[in-house]
Amino acid sequence: MIISQTPLRISLVGGGTDLKSFYSLEDGMVLSSAIDKYIYIIVKERFDEKIYINYSEKEIVDEVPEIKHNLVREAMKKTGVTGGVEITTLADIPSEGSGLGSSSSVTVGLLNALYNFKGIPVTSEHIAREACEIEIDICKKPIGKQDQYIAAYGGLNKITFHPDDSVSVFRLPIFNGQLRRLGSNLLLFFTNKTRKADVILEKQKKSTESNREALRAMRDFVTKLEGYLIDDKFDELGRLLHENWILKKSLVNTISNPDIDAMYEKAIKAGALGGKICGAGGGGFLLLYIQRDKQESVRHALKDYRELPFMLDSYGSRIIYNVRSYSTK
């Protein structure tokens, strides 16, 4: 039995420049962090040759092409696992529409678990690249590449997407006490809405050219924020989140809505320095930067919204259990 643990993520600044419609012409860049909420993938060898898959549905099939769950099907094709296996996916939070990168964490976790099931060592880069191929090239999702890379690598990273399709990952030199202090100023509140990211991202992709100047400004926030964080000027993150949110809302009119705007305004009036909707927008989780002495005031202002306690996480996808009872296929 193999169990992989793969983190979800929060994207701080630069989101949208990881779409191919932008980075195919010039470098895209984001600053993102893994968080301590996870997707778990369990892979167990079976005595028979059937394939069992357990998620919100249950599938029992004889061959890989029959699998309905496209991420499981394509991950099995990539890794060469053909049958005699049971695969179960579990999540710390309901994953669909959360804006925390759950789909990519599932894909990364599947690849990591299945490669380990086969006894094949692979790097974080290899897993992230193949996860992008599965989601973007094969399944044709209109998404970017940051989620797969932050899920595979973990930590607080500046990730650069180059026109030749290569990706550079730089982990910020912020560790231990600094990371805990930074994370303690970040809070997540559920908007009470979920959404289909594909619709919003498809619109955003089609509007890339008209939004190029706004996207460049959002990309440039990454280098600015990198300097602030390395220099221990954490409060500047709140102010940049606010500027980034104003620009992000201008990209597509469905990224925000009156309910989200009212929620955000309540948080700002109560003392938050800034924030943004995680992921594509339209619902999911609102990320806020709030100094410690203002947090109870903001919590009271947002008492109708459920908070998700979390901390920043240094680990990417990893195998937390590996026991072989007999030969894998």
C-alpha atoms as a PDB file:
ATOM      1  CA  MET A   1       0.000   0.000   0.000  1.00  0.00           C
ATOM      2  CA  ILE A   2       1.209   3.490  -0.932  1.00  0.00           C
ATOM      3  CA  ILE A   3      -0.225   6.725   0.494  1.00  0.00           C
ATOM      4  CA  SER A   4       0.756  10.113  -0.930  1.00  0.00           C
ATOM      5  CA  GLN A   5       0.067  13.412   0.846  1.00  0.00           C
ATOM      6  CA  THR A   6      -0.111  16.467  -1.425  1.00  0.00           C
ATOM      7  CA  PRO A   7      -0.706  20.040  -0.203  1.00  0.00           C
ATOM      8  CA  LEU A   8      -3.284  22.533  -1.368  1.00  0.00           C
ATOM      9  CA  ARG A   9      -2.048  26.072  -2.025  1.00  0.00           C
ATOM     10  CA  ILE A  10      -2.674  29.775  -1.769  1.00  0.00           C
ATOM     11  CA  SER A  11      -1.540  32.030  -4.612  1.00  0.00           C
ATOM     12  CA  LEU A  12      -0.425  35.449  -3.386  1.00  0.00           C
ATOM     13  CA  VAL A  13       0.364  37.557  -6.472  1.00  0.00           C
ATOM     14  CA  GLY A  14       0.886  37.049 -10.195  1.00  0.00           C
ATOM     15  CA  GLY A  15      -2.003  34.662 -10.862  1.00  0.00           C
ATOM     16  CA  GLY A  16      -3.140  34.653 -14.479  1.00  0.00           C
ATOM     17  CA  THR A  17       0.372  35.038 -15.887  1.00  0.00           C
ATOM     18  CA  ASP A  18       0.785  31.245 -15.599  1.00  0.00           C
ATOM     19  CA  LEU A  19      -1.682  30.801 -18.477  1.00  0.00           C
ATOM     20  CA  LYS A  20      -0.049  29.811 -21.764  1.00  0.00           C
ATOM     21  CA  SER A  21      -1.838  32.661 -23.535  1.00  0.00           C
ATOM     22  CA  PHE A  22       0.397  35.010 -21.493  1.00  0.00           C
ATOM     23  CA  TYR A  23       3.677  33.189 -20.884  1.00  0.00           C
ATOM     24  CA  SER A  24       3.980  31.961 -24.498  1.00  0.00           C
ATOM     25  CA  LEU A  25       4.902  35.564 -25.421  1.00  0.00           C
ATOM     26  CA  GLU A  26       6.772  36.701 -22.289  1.00  0.00           C
ATOM     27  CA  ASP A  27       7.682  35.320 -18.880  1.00  0.00           C
ATOM     28  CA  GLY A  28       4.844  34.775 -16.429  1.00  0.00           C
ATOM     29  CA  MET A  29       5.534  34.749 -12.702  1.00  0.00           C
ATOM     30  CA  VAL A  30       3.661  33.947  -9.486  1.00  0.00           C
ATOM     31  CA  LEU A  31       4.422  33.835  -5.786  1.00  0.00           C
ATOM     32  CA  SER A  32       2.561  30.990  -4.086  1.00  0.00           C
ATOM     33  CA  SER A  33       2.721  28.814  -0.991  1.00  0.00           C
ATOM     34  CA  ALA A  34       1.651  25.325  -0.052  1.00  0.00           C
ATOM     35  CA  ILE A  35      -0.621  25.092   3.008  1.00  0.00           C
ATOM     36  CA  ASP A  36      -1.182  22.351   5.573  1.00  0.00           C
ATOM     37  CA  LYS A  37      -4.406  21.066   4.012  1.00  0.00           C
ATOM     38  CA  TYR A  38      -3.982  17.979   1.880  1.00  0.00           C
ATOM     39  CA  ILE A  39      -5.187  15.551  -0.744  1.00  0.00           C
ATOM     40  CA  TYR A  40      -4.430  11.906   0.112  1.00  0.00           C
ATOM     41  CA  ILE A  41      -4.129   9.193  -2.534  1.00  0.00           C
ATOM     42  CA  ILE A  42      -4.159   5.547  -1.418  1.00  0.00           C
ATOM     43  CA  VAL A  43      -2.957   2.921  -3.892  1.00  0.00           C
ATOM     44  CA  LYS A  44      -3.426  -0.724  -2.884  1.00  0.00           C
ATOM     45  CA  GLU A  45      -2.486  -3.789  -4.903  1.00  0.00           C
ATOM     46  CA  ARG A  46      -5.302  -6.272  -5.543  1.00  0.00           C
ATOM     47  CA  PHE A  47      -5.095 -10.034  -6.043  1.00  0.00           C
ATOM     48  CA  ASP A  48      -7.311  -9.889  -9.134  1.00  0.00           C
ATOM     49  CA  GLU A  49      -6.681  -7.789 -12.249  1.00  0.00           C
ATOM     50  CA  LYS A  50      -9.605  -5.392 -11.868  1.00  0.00           C
ATOM     51  CA  ILE A  51      -9.304  -1.647 -11.206  1.00  0.00           C
ATOM     52  CA  TYR A  52     -11.264  -0.209  -8.249  1.00  0.00           C
ATOM     53  CA  ILE A  53     -11.492   3.578  -7.855  1.00  0.00           C
ATOM     54  CA  ASN A  54     -13.101   5.296  -4.852  1.00  0.00           C
ATOM     55  CA  TYR A  55     -13.910   9.029  -4.837  1.00  0.00           C
ATOM     56  CA  SER A  56     -17.316  10.736  -4.770  1.00  0.00           C
ATOM     57  CA  GLU A  57     -18.305   7.786  -6.987  1.00  0.00           C
ATOM     58  CA  LYS A  58     -17.093   4.191  -7.068  1.00  0.00           C
ATOM     59  CA  GLU A  59     -15.803   2.621 -10.261  1.00  0.00           C
ATOM     60  CA  ILE A  60     -14.946  -1.018 -10.953  1.00  0.00           C
ATOM     61  CA  VAL A  61     -13.521  -1.606 -14.415  1.00  0.00           C
ATOM     62  CA  ASP A  62     -11.369  -4.138 -16.251  1.00  0.00           C
ATOM     63  CA  GLU A  63      -9.122  -1.799 -18.247  1.00  0.00           C
ATOM     64  CA  VAL A  64      -7.672   1.707 -17.915  1.00  0.00           C
ATOM     65  CA  PRO A  65      -9.527   3.254 -20.924  1.00  0.00           C
ATOM     66  CA  GLU A  66     -12.847   2.399 -19.246  1.00  0.00           C
ATOM     67  CA  ILE A  67     -12.144   4.681 -16.261  1.00  0.00           C
ATOM     68  CA  LYS A  68     -14.478   7.716 -16.095  1.00  0.00           C
ATOM     69  CA  HIS A  69     -12.298   9.762 -13.692  1.00  0.00           C
ATOM     70  CA  ASN A  70     -10.086  11.463 -16.248  1.00  0.00           C
ATOM     71  CA  LEU A  71      -7.244  12.330 -13.854  1.00  0.00           C
ATOM     72  CA  VAL A  72      -6.973   8.750 -12.565  1.00  0.00           C
ATOM     73  CA  ARG A  73      -7.200   7.338 -16.076  1.00  0.00           C
ATOM     74  CA  GLU A  74      -4.470   9.584 -17.498  1.00  0.00           C
ATOM     75  CA  ALA A  75      -2.192   9.212 -14.457  1.00  0.00           C
ATOM     76  CA  MET A  76      -2.366   5.431 -14.822  1.00  0.00           C
ATOM     77  CA  LYS A  77      -1.471   5.751 -18.502  1.00  0.00           C
ATOM     78  CA  LYS A  78       1.499   8.000 -17.690  1.00  0.00           C
ATOM     79  CA  THR A  79       2.853   5.711 -14.988  1.00  0.00           C
ATOM     80  CA  GLY A  80       2.196   2.397 -16.718  1.00  0.00           C
ATOM     81  CA  VAL A  81      -0.091   0.922 -14.042  1.00  0.00           C
ATOM     82  CA  THR A  82      -2.496  -1.278 -16.003  1.00  0.00           C
ATOM     83  CA  GLY A  83      -4.611  -3.171 -13.463  1.00  0.00           C
ATOM     84  CA  GLY A  84      -4.831  -5.140 -10.260  1.00  0.00           C
ATOM     85  CA  VAL A  85      -5.069  -2.003  -8.162  1.00  0.00           C
ATOM     86  CA  GLU A  86      -7.461  -0.068  -5.916  1.00  0.00           C
ATOM     87  CA  ILE A  87      -7.147   3.736  -5.791  1.00  0.00           C
ATOM     88  CA  THR A  88      -8.847   5.939  -3.189  1.00  0.00           C
ATOM     89  CA  THR A  89      -8.807   9.758  -3.015  1.00  0.00           C
ATOM     90  CA  LEU A  90      -9.426  11.659   0.229  1.00  0.00           C
ATOM     91  CA  ALA A  91      -9.372  15.403   0.952  1.00  0.00           C
ATOM     92  CA  ASP A  92      -9.093  17.554   4.071  1.00  0.00           C
ATOM     93  CA  ILE A  93     -11.775  19.880   2.688  1.00  0.00           C
ATOM     94  CA  PRO A  94     -14.475  19.471   0.013  1.00  0.00           C
ATOM     95  CA  SER A  95     -12.318  20.048  -3.011  1.00  0.00           C
ATOM     96  CA  GLU A  96     -14.512  21.107  -5.931  1.00  0.00           C
ATOM     97  CA  GLY A  97     -14.686  24.863  -6.426  1.00  0.00           C
ATOM     98  CA  SER A  98     -12.537  25.772  -3.411  1.00  0.00           C
ATOM     99  CA  GLY A  99      -9.967  27.826  -5.313  1.00  0.00           C
ATOM    100  CA  LEU A 100      -7.132  26.121  -3.428  1.00  0.00           C
ATOM    101  CA  GLY A 101      -5.771  24.108  -6.361  1.00  0.00           C
ATOM    102  CA  SER A 102      -7.323  20.786  -5.408  1.00  0.00           C
ATOM    103  CA  SER A 103      -7.611  19.355  -8.929  1.00  0.00           C
ATOM    104  CA  SER A 104      -3.886  19.764  -9.547  1.00  0.00           C
ATOM    105  CA  SER A 105      -3.066  18.383  -6.084  1.00  0.00           C
ATOM    106  CA  VAL A 106      -5.084  15.272  -6.969  1.00  0.00           C
ATOM    107  CA  THR A 107      -3.151  14.881 -10.235  1.00  0.00           C
ATOM    108  CA  VAL A 108       0.243  15.408  -8.591  1.00  0.00           C
ATOM    109  CA  GLY A 109      -0.658  13.045  -5.736  1.00  0.00           C
ATOM    110  CA  LEU A 110      -1.827  10.354  -8.173  1.00  0.00           C
ATOM    111  CA  LEU A 111       1.387  10.501 -10.183  1.00  0.00           C
ATOM    112  CA  ASN A 112       3.538  10.426  -7.049  1.00  0.00           C
ATOM    113  CA  ALA A 113       1.670   7.459  -5.548  1.00  0.00           C
ATOM    114  CA  LEU A 114       1.492   5.471  -8.794  1.00  0.00           C
ATOM    115  CA  TYR A 115       5.163   5.961  -9.663  1.00  0.00           C
ATOM    116  CA  ASN A 116       6.092   4.811  -6.161  1.00  0.00           C
ATOM    117  CA  PHE A 117       3.709   1.867  -6.554  1.00  0.00           C
ATOM    118  CA  LYS A 118       5.754   0.904  -9.627  1.00  0.00           C
ATOM    119  CA  GLY A 119       9.017   1.495  -7.746  1.00  0.00           C
ATOM    120  CA  ILE A 120      10.086   4.256 -10.149  1.00  0.00           C
ATOM    121  CA  PRO A 121      11.894   7.258  -8.589  1.00  0.00           C
ATOM    122  CA  VAL A 122      10.787  10.627  -9.994  1.00  0.00           C
ATOM    123  CA  THR A 123      11.615  14.272  -9.237  1.00  0.00           C
ATOM    124  CA  SER A 124       9.230  17.060  -8.270  1.00  0.00           C
ATOM    125  CA  GLU A 125       9.882  18.656 -11.678  1.00  0.00           C
ATOM    126  CA  HIS A 126       8.937  15.440 -13.472  1.00  0.00           C
ATOM    127  CA  ILE A 127       5.689  15.066 -11.523  1.00  0.00           C
ATOM    128  CA  ALA A 128       4.719  18.747 -11.973  1.00  0.00           C
ATOM    129  CA  ARG A 129       5.433  18.667 -15.709  1.00  0.00           C
ATOM    130  CA  GLU A 130       3.425  15.487 -16.264  1.00  0.00           C
ATOM    131  CA  ALA A 131       0.549  16.832 -14.147  1.00  0.00           C
ATOM    132  CA  CYS A 132       0.451  19.885 -16.456  1.00  0.00           C
ATOM    133  CA  GLU A 133       0.448  17.611 -19.503  1.00  0.00           C
ATOM    134  CA  ILE A 134      -2.483  15.627 -18.104  1.00  0.00           C
ATOM    135  CA  GLU A 135      -4.633  18.587 -17.088  1.00  0.00           C
ATOM    136  CA  ILE A 136      -3.802  21.108 -19.809  1.00  0.00           C
ATOM    137  CA  ASP A 137      -2.709  19.124 -22.884  1.00  0.00           C
ATOM    138  CA  ILE A 138      -4.744  15.911 -22.534  1.00  0.00           C
ATOM    139  CA  CYS A 139      -7.837  16.927 -20.522  1.00  0.00           C
ATOM    140  CA  LYS A 140      -7.885  20.402 -22.164  1.00  0.00           C
ATOM    141  CA  LYS A 141      -8.557  22.309 -18.944  1.00  0.00           C
ATOM    142  CA  PRO A 142      -8.166  26.096 -19.513  1.00  0.00           C
ATOM    143  CA  ILE A 143      -5.920  26.409 -16.450  1.00  0.00           C
ATOM    144  CA  GLY A 144      -2.409  27.641 -15.692  1.00  0.00           C
ATOM    145  CA  LYS A 145       0.670  25.789 -14.454  1.00  0.00           C
ATOM    146  CA  GLN A 146       1.272  27.204 -10.985  1.00  0.00           C
ATOM    147  CA  ASP A 147      -0.924  24.764  -9.038  1.00  0.00           C
ATOM    148  CA  GLN A 148       0.880  21.657 -10.276  1.00  0.00           C
ATOM    149  CA  TYR A 149       4.292  23.095  -9.434  1.00  0.00           C
ATOM    150  CA  ILE A 150       3.465  24.358  -5.953  1.00  0.00           C
ATOM    151  CA  ALA A 151       1.757  21.022  -5.138  1.00  0.00           C
ATOM    152  CA  ALA A 152       4.824  19.073  -6.246  1.00  0.00           C
ATOM    153  CA  TYR A 153       7.481  21.336  -4.680  1.00  0.00           C
ATOM    154  CA  GLY A 154       5.735  22.748  -1.595  1.00  0.00           C
ATOM    155  CA  GLY A 155       7.079  25.731   0.324  1.00  0.00           C
ATOM    156  CA  LEU A 156       6.864  29.464  -0.439  1.00  0.00           C
ATOM    157  CA  ASN A 157       8.073  29.905  -4.009  1.00  0.00           C
ATOM    158  CA  LYS A 158       8.574  32.338  -6.831  1.00  0.00           C
ATOM    159  CA  ILE A 159       7.692  30.353  -9.944  1.00  0.00           C
ATOM    160  CA  THR A 160       8.580  31.643 -13.411  1.00  0.00           C
ATOM    161  CA  PHE A 161       6.948  30.326 -16.602  1.00  0.00           C
ATOM    162  CA  HIS A 162       9.052  30.781 -19.732  1.00  0.00           C
ATOM    163  CA  PRO A 163       7.912  31.002 -23.384  1.00  0.00           C
ATOM    164  CA  ASP A 164       9.753  27.736 -24.190  1.00  0.00           C
ATOM    165  CA  ASP A 165       7.440  25.966 -21.674  1.00  0.00           C
ATOM    166  CA  SER A 166      10.220  25.509 -19.096  1.00  0.00           C
ATOM    167  CA  VAL A 167       9.528  26.489 -15.482  1.00  0.00           C
ATOM    168  CA  SER A 168      11.925  27.870 -12.845  1.00  0.00           C
ATOM    169  CA  VAL A 169      11.157  27.391  -9.146  1.00  0.00           C
ATOM    170  CA  PHE A 170      12.904  29.525  -6.508  1.00  0.00           C
ATOM    171  CA  ARG A 171      12.124  28.866  -2.854  1.00  0.00           C
ATOM    172  CA  LEU A 172      12.223  32.071  -0.823  1.00  0.00           C
ATOM    173  CA  PRO A 173      14.779  31.926   2.020  1.00  0.00           C
ATOM    174  CA  ILE A 174      12.121  32.301   4.731  1.00  0.00           C
ATOM    175  CA  PHE A 175      12.031  29.499   7.270  1.00  0.00           C
ATOM    176  CA  ASN A 176      10.775  28.358  10.677  1.00  0.00           C
ATOM    177  CA  GLY A 177       9.825  31.307  12.895  1.00  0.00           C
ATOM    178  CA  GLN A 178       9.583  33.779  10.010  1.00  0.00           C
ATOM    179  CA  LEU A 179       7.309  31.455   8.048  1.00  0.00           C
ATOM    180  CA  ARG A 180       5.072  30.884  11.074  1.00  0.00           C
ATOM    181  CA  ARG A 181       4.867  34.625  11.721  1.00  0.00           C
ATOM    182  CA  LEU A 182       3.973  35.335   8.103  1.00  0.00           C
ATOM    183  CA  GLY A 183       1.371  32.563   8.051  1.00  0.00           C
ATOM    184  CA  SER A 184      -0.205  33.723  11.312  1.00  0.00           C
ATOM    185  CA  ASN A 185      -1.201  36.986   9.576  1.00  0.00           C
ATOM    186  CA  LEU A 186      -3.053  35.157   6.781  1.00  0.00           C
ATOM    187  CA  LEU A 187      -6.643  33.984   7.274  1.00  0.00           C
ATOM    188  CA  LEU A 188      -9.021  32.108   4.991  1.00  0.00           C
ATOM    189  CA  PHE A 189     -12.814  32.516   5.025  1.00  0.00           C
ATOM    190  CA  PHE A 190     -15.239  30.508   2.912  1.00  0.00           C
ATOM    191  CA  THR A 191     -17.486  32.706   0.744  1.00  0.00           C
ATOM    192  CA  ASN A 192     -20.346  30.167   1.026  1.00  0.00           C
ATOM    193  CA  LYS A 193     -20.122  29.759  -2.746  1.00  0.00           C
ATOM    194  CA  THR A 194     -18.333  27.297  -4.993  1.00  0.00           C
ATOM    195  CA  ARG A 195     -17.799  27.800  -8.695  1.00  0.00           C
ATOM    196  CA  LYS A 196     -16.556  26.123 -11.863  1.00  0.00           C
ATOM    197  CA  ALA A 197     -13.134  27.663 -12.479  1.00  0.00           C
ATOM    198  CA  ASP A 198     -13.046  26.499 -16.107  1.00  0.00           C
ATOM    199  CA  VAL A 199     -15.714  28.994 -17.224  1.00  0.00           C
ATOM    200  CA  ILE A 200     -13.942  31.978 -15.634  1.00  0.00           C
ATOM    201  CA  LEU A 201     -10.500  30.905 -16.835  1.00  0.00           C
ATOM    202  CA  GLU A 202     -11.757  30.369 -20.390  1.00  0.00           C
ATOM    203  CA  LYS A 203     -13.007  33.961 -20.449  1.00  0.00           C
ATOM    204  CA  GLN A 204      -9.760  35.195 -18.932  1.00  0.00           C
ATOM    205  CA  LYS A 205      -7.696  33.290 -21.483  1.00  0.00           C
ATOM    206  CA  LYS A 206      -9.637  34.847 -24.367  1.00  0.00           C
ATOM    207  CA  SER A 207      -9.104  38.322 -22.862  1.00  0.00           C
ATOM    208  CA  THR A 208      -5.347  37.958 -22.329  1.00  0.00           C
ATOM    209  CA  GLU A 209      -4.320  40.418 -25.026  1.00  0.00           C
ATOM    210  CA  SER A 210      -6.647  43.194 -23.873  1.00  0.00           C
ATOM    211  CA  ASN A 211      -5.578  42.544 -20.256  1.00  0.00           C
ATOM    212  CA  ARG A 212      -1.841  42.328 -20.972  1.00  0.00           C
ATOM    213  CA  GLU A 213      -0.886  45.543 -19.147  1.00  0.00           C
ATOM    214  CA  ALA A 214      -2.829  44.537 -16.027  1.00  0.00           C
ATOM    215  CA  LEU A 215      -1.260  41.069 -16.119  1.00  0.00           C
ATOM    216  CA  ARG A 216       2.221  42.576 -16.462  1.00  0.00           C
ATOM    217  CA  ALA A 217       1.571  44.746 -13.418  1.00  0.00           C
ATOM    218  CA  MET A 218       0.414  41.677 -11.453  1.00  0.00           C
ATOM    219  CA  ARG A 219       3.524  39.780 -12.542  1.00  0.00           C
ATOM    220  CA  ASP A 220       5.737  42.678 -11.438  1.00  0.00           C
ATOM    221  CA  PHE A 221       4.195  42.478  -7.959  1.00  0.00           C
ATOM    222  CA  VAL A 222       6.027  39.147  -7.566  1.00  0.00           C
ATOM    223  CA  THR A 223       9.526  40.624  -7.573  1.00  0.00           C
ATOM    224  CA  LYS A 224       8.374  43.466  -5.346  1.00  0.00           C
ATOM    225  CA  LEU A 225       6.767  41.072  -2.845  1.00  0.00           C
ATOM    226  CA  GLU A 226       9.806  38.779  -2.914  1.00  0.00           C
ATOM    227  CA  GLY A 227      11.952  41.690  -1.715  1.00  0.00           C
ATOM    228  CA  TYR A 228       9.473  42.683   0.994  1.00  0.00           C
ATOM    229  CA  LEU A 229       9.261  39.152   2.395  1.00  0.00           C
ATOM    230  CA  ILE A 230      13.019  38.585   2.389  1.00  0.00           C
ATOM    231  CA  ASP A 231      13.448  41.936   4.166  1.00  0.00           C
ATOM    232  CA  ASP A 232      10.883  40.917   6.820  1.00  0.00           C
ATOM    233  CA  LYS A 233       8.397  43.608   5.731  1.00  0.00           C
ATOM    234  CA  PHE A 234       5.431  41.261   5.951  1.00  0.00           C
ATOM    235  CA  ASP A 235       2.731  43.935   6.238  1.00  0.00           C
ATOM    236  CA  GLU A 236       3.532  45.032   2.690  1.00  0.00           C
ATOM    237  CA  LEU A 237       2.002  41.731   1.569  1.00  0.00           C
ATOM    238  CA  GLY A 238      -1.411  42.982   2.720  1.00  0.00           C
ATOM    239  CA  ARG A 239      -1.101  46.152   0.678  1.00  0.00           C
ATOM    240  CA  LEU A 240       0.080  44.271  -2.423  1.00  0.00           C
ATOM    241  CA  LEU A 241      -2.749  41.754  -2.064  1.00  0.00           C
ATOM    242  CA  HIS A 242      -5.187  44.658  -2.184  1.00  0.00           C
ATOM    243  CA  GLU A 243      -3.584  46.148  -5.312  1.00  0.00           C
ATOM    244  CA  ASN A 244      -3.466  42.702  -6.923  1.00  0.00           C
ATOM    245  CA  TRP A 245      -7.162  42.138  -6.129  1.00  0.00           C
ATOM    246  CA  ILE A 246      -8.174  45.430  -7.767  1.00  0.00           C
ATOM    247  CA  LEU A 247      -6.313  44.418 -10.935  1.00  0.00           C
ATOM    248  CA  LYS A 248      -7.561  40.825 -10.830  1.00  0.00           C
ATOM    249  CA  LYS A 249     -11.197  41.972 -10.681  1.00  0.00           C
ATOM    250  CA  SER A 250     -10.621  44.032 -13.831  1.00  0.00           C
ATOM    251  CA  LEU A 251      -9.656  40.960 -15.893  1.00  0.00           C
ATOM    252  CA  VAL A 252     -13.107  39.316 -16.087  1.00  0.00           C
ATOM    253  CA  ASN A 253     -16.388  40.573 -14.640  1.00  0.00           C
ATOM    254  CA  THR A 254     -17.222  37.165 -13.101  1.00  0.00           C
ATOM    255  CA  ILE A 255     -14.137  37.057 -10.836  1.00  0.00           C
ATOM    256  CA  SER A 256     -16.062  38.961  -8.171  1.00  0.00           C
ATOM    257  CA  ASN A 257     -19.726  39.706  -7.475  1.00  0.00           C
ATOM    258  CA  PRO A 258     -21.691  41.972  -5.106  1.00  0.00           C
ATOM    259  CA  ASP A 259     -21.642  39.388  -2.278  1.00  0.00           C
ATOM    260  CA  ILE A 260     -17.867  38.918  -2.480  1.00  0.00           C
ATOM    261  CA  ASP A 261     -17.315  42.677  -2.747  1.00  0.00           C
ATOM    262  CA  ALA A 262     -19.456  43.251   0.372  1.00  0.00           C
ATOM    263  CA  MET A 263     -17.578  40.524   2.263  1.00  0.00           C
ATOM    264  CA  TYR A 264     -14.219  42.012   1.289  1.00  0.00           C
ATOM    265  CA  GLU A 265     -15.342  45.521   2.261  1.00  0.00           C
ATOM    266  CA  LYS A 266     -16.420  44.298   5.704  1.00  0.00           C
ATOM    267  CA  ALA A 267     -12.979  42.761   6.223  1.00  0.00           C
ATOM    268  CA  ILE A 268     -11.135  45.927   5.151  1.00  0.00           C
ATOM    269  CA  LYS A 269     -13.283  48.144   7.394  1.00  0.00           C
ATOM    270  CA  ALA A 270     -12.612  45.800  10.317  1.00  0.00           C
ATOM    271  CA  GLY A 271      -8.842  46.063   9.877  1.00  0.00           C
ATOM    272  CA  ALA A 272      -7.626  43.723   7.130  1.00  0.00           C
ATOM    273  CA  LEU A 273      -4.822  45.288   5.076  1.00  0.00           C
ATOM    274  CA  GLY A 274      -5.791  43.442   1.911  1.00  0.00           C
ATOM    275  CA  GLY A 275      -6.860  40.163   0.392  1.00  0.00           C
ATOM    276  CA  LYS A 276      -8.105  38.320  -2.664  1.00  0.00           C
ATOM    277  CA  ILE A 277     -10.292  35.451  -3.737  1.00  0.00           C
ATOM    278  CA  CYS A 278      -8.204  32.294  -4.096  1.00  0.00           C
ATOM    279  CA  GLY A 279      -7.994  30.691  -7.510  1.00  0.00           C
ATOM    280  CA  ALA A 280     -10.011  31.794 -10.509  1.00  0.00           C
ATOM    281  CA  GLY A 281     -12.570  33.786  -8.507  1.00  0.00           C
ATOM    282  CA  GLY A 282     -16.354  33.770  -8.317  1.00  0.00           C
ATOM    283  CA  GLY A 283     -16.424  31.895  -4.995  1.00  0.00           C
ATOM    284  CA  GLY A 284     -14.344  29.548  -2.898  1.00  0.00           C
ATOM    285  CA  PHE A 285     -12.112  31.057  -0.211  1.00  0.00           C
ATOM    286  CA  LEU A 286     -11.251  34.673   0.540  1.00  0.00           C
ATOM    287  CA  LEU A 287      -7.631  35.087   1.652  1.00  0.00           C
ATOM    288  CA  LEU A 288      -6.947  38.052   3.943  1.00  0.00           C
ATOM    289  CA  TYR A 289      -3.788  39.574   5.428  1.00  0.00           C
ATOM    290  CA  ILE A 290      -4.630  40.825   8.931  1.00  0.00           C
ATOM    291  CA  GLN A 291      -2.269  42.023  11.635  1.00  0.00           C
ATOM    292  CA  ARG A 292      -2.666  39.995  14.834  1.00  0.00           C
ATOM    293  CA  ASP A 293      -4.274  42.771  16.880  1.00  0.00           C
ATOM    294  CA  LYS A 294      -7.025  43.231  14.253  1.00  0.00           C
ATOM    295  CA  GLN A 295      -7.904  39.590  13.674  1.00  0.00           C
ATOM    296  CA  GLU A 296     -10.690  39.268  16.241  1.00  0.00           C
ATOM    297  CA  SER A 297     -12.336  42.379  14.842  1.00  0.00           C
ATOM    298  CA  VAL A 298     -12.278  40.883  11.339  1.00  0.00           C
ATOM    299  CA  ARG A 299     -13.527  37.529  12.596  1.00  0.00           C
ATOM    300  CA  HIS A 300     -16.481  39.307  14.216  1.00  0.00           C
ATOM    301  CA  ALA A 301     -17.217  41.236  11.019  1.00  0.00           C
ATOM    302  CA  LEU A 302     -17.161  37.967   9.033  1.00  0.00           C
ATOM    303  CA  LYS A 303     -19.010  35.891  11.637  1.00  0.00           C
ATOM    304  CA  ASP A 304     -21.414  34.626   8.952  1.00  0.00           C
ATOM    305  CA  TYR A 305     -18.525  33.018   7.062  1.00  0.00           C
ATOM    306  CA  ARG A 306     -16.666  29.896   8.138  1.00  0.00           C
ATOM    307  CA  GLU A 307     -12.937  30.305   8.758  1.00  0.00           C
ATOM    308  CA  LEU A 308     -10.482  27.635   7.615  1.00  0.00           C
ATOM    309  CA  PRO A 309      -7.524  27.602  10.042  1.00  0.00           C
ATOM    310  CA  PHE A 310      -4.263  26.824   8.241  1.00  0.00           C
ATOM    311  CA  MET A 311      -0.518  27.333   8.256  1.00  0.00           C
ATOM    312  CA  LEU A 312       2.019  27.625   5.454  1.00  0.00           C
ATOM    313  CA  ASP A 313       3.651  24.296   4.610  1.00  0.00           C
ATOM    314  CA  SER A 314       7.238  23.579   3.574  1.00  0.00           C
ATOM    315  CA  TYR A 315       6.555  20.162   2.035  1.00  0.00           C
ATOM    316  CA  GLY A 316       5.395  19.266  -1.436  1.00  0.00           C
ATOM    317  CA  SER A 317       3.817  15.967  -2.435  1.00  0.00           C
ATOM    318  CA  ARG A 318       5.402  13.140  -0.469  1.00  0.00           C
ATOM    319  CA  ILE A 319       4.889   9.478   0.340  1.00  0.00           C
ATOM    320  CA  ILE A 320       3.810   9.079   3.955  1.00  0.00           C
ATOM    321  CA  TYR A 321       3.200   5.312   3.878  1.00  0.00           C
ATOM    322  CA  ASN A 322       4.877   2.614   1.791  1.00  0.00           C
ATOM    323  CA  VAL A 323       4.420  -1.045   2.647  1.00  0.00           C
ATOM    324  CA  ARG A 324       4.662  -3.822   0.052  1.00  0.00           C
ATOM    325  CA  SER A 325       3.032  -7.107   0.961  1.00  0.00           C
ATOM    326  CA  TYR A 326       3.681  -8.816  -2.388  1.00  0.00           C
ATOM    327  CA  SER A 327       5.006  -7.953  -5.836  1.00  0.00           C
ATOM    328  CA  THR A 328       3.491  -4.952  -7.614  1.00  0.00           C
ATOM    329  CA  LYS A 329       2.291  -5.311 -11.168  1.00  0.00           C
END
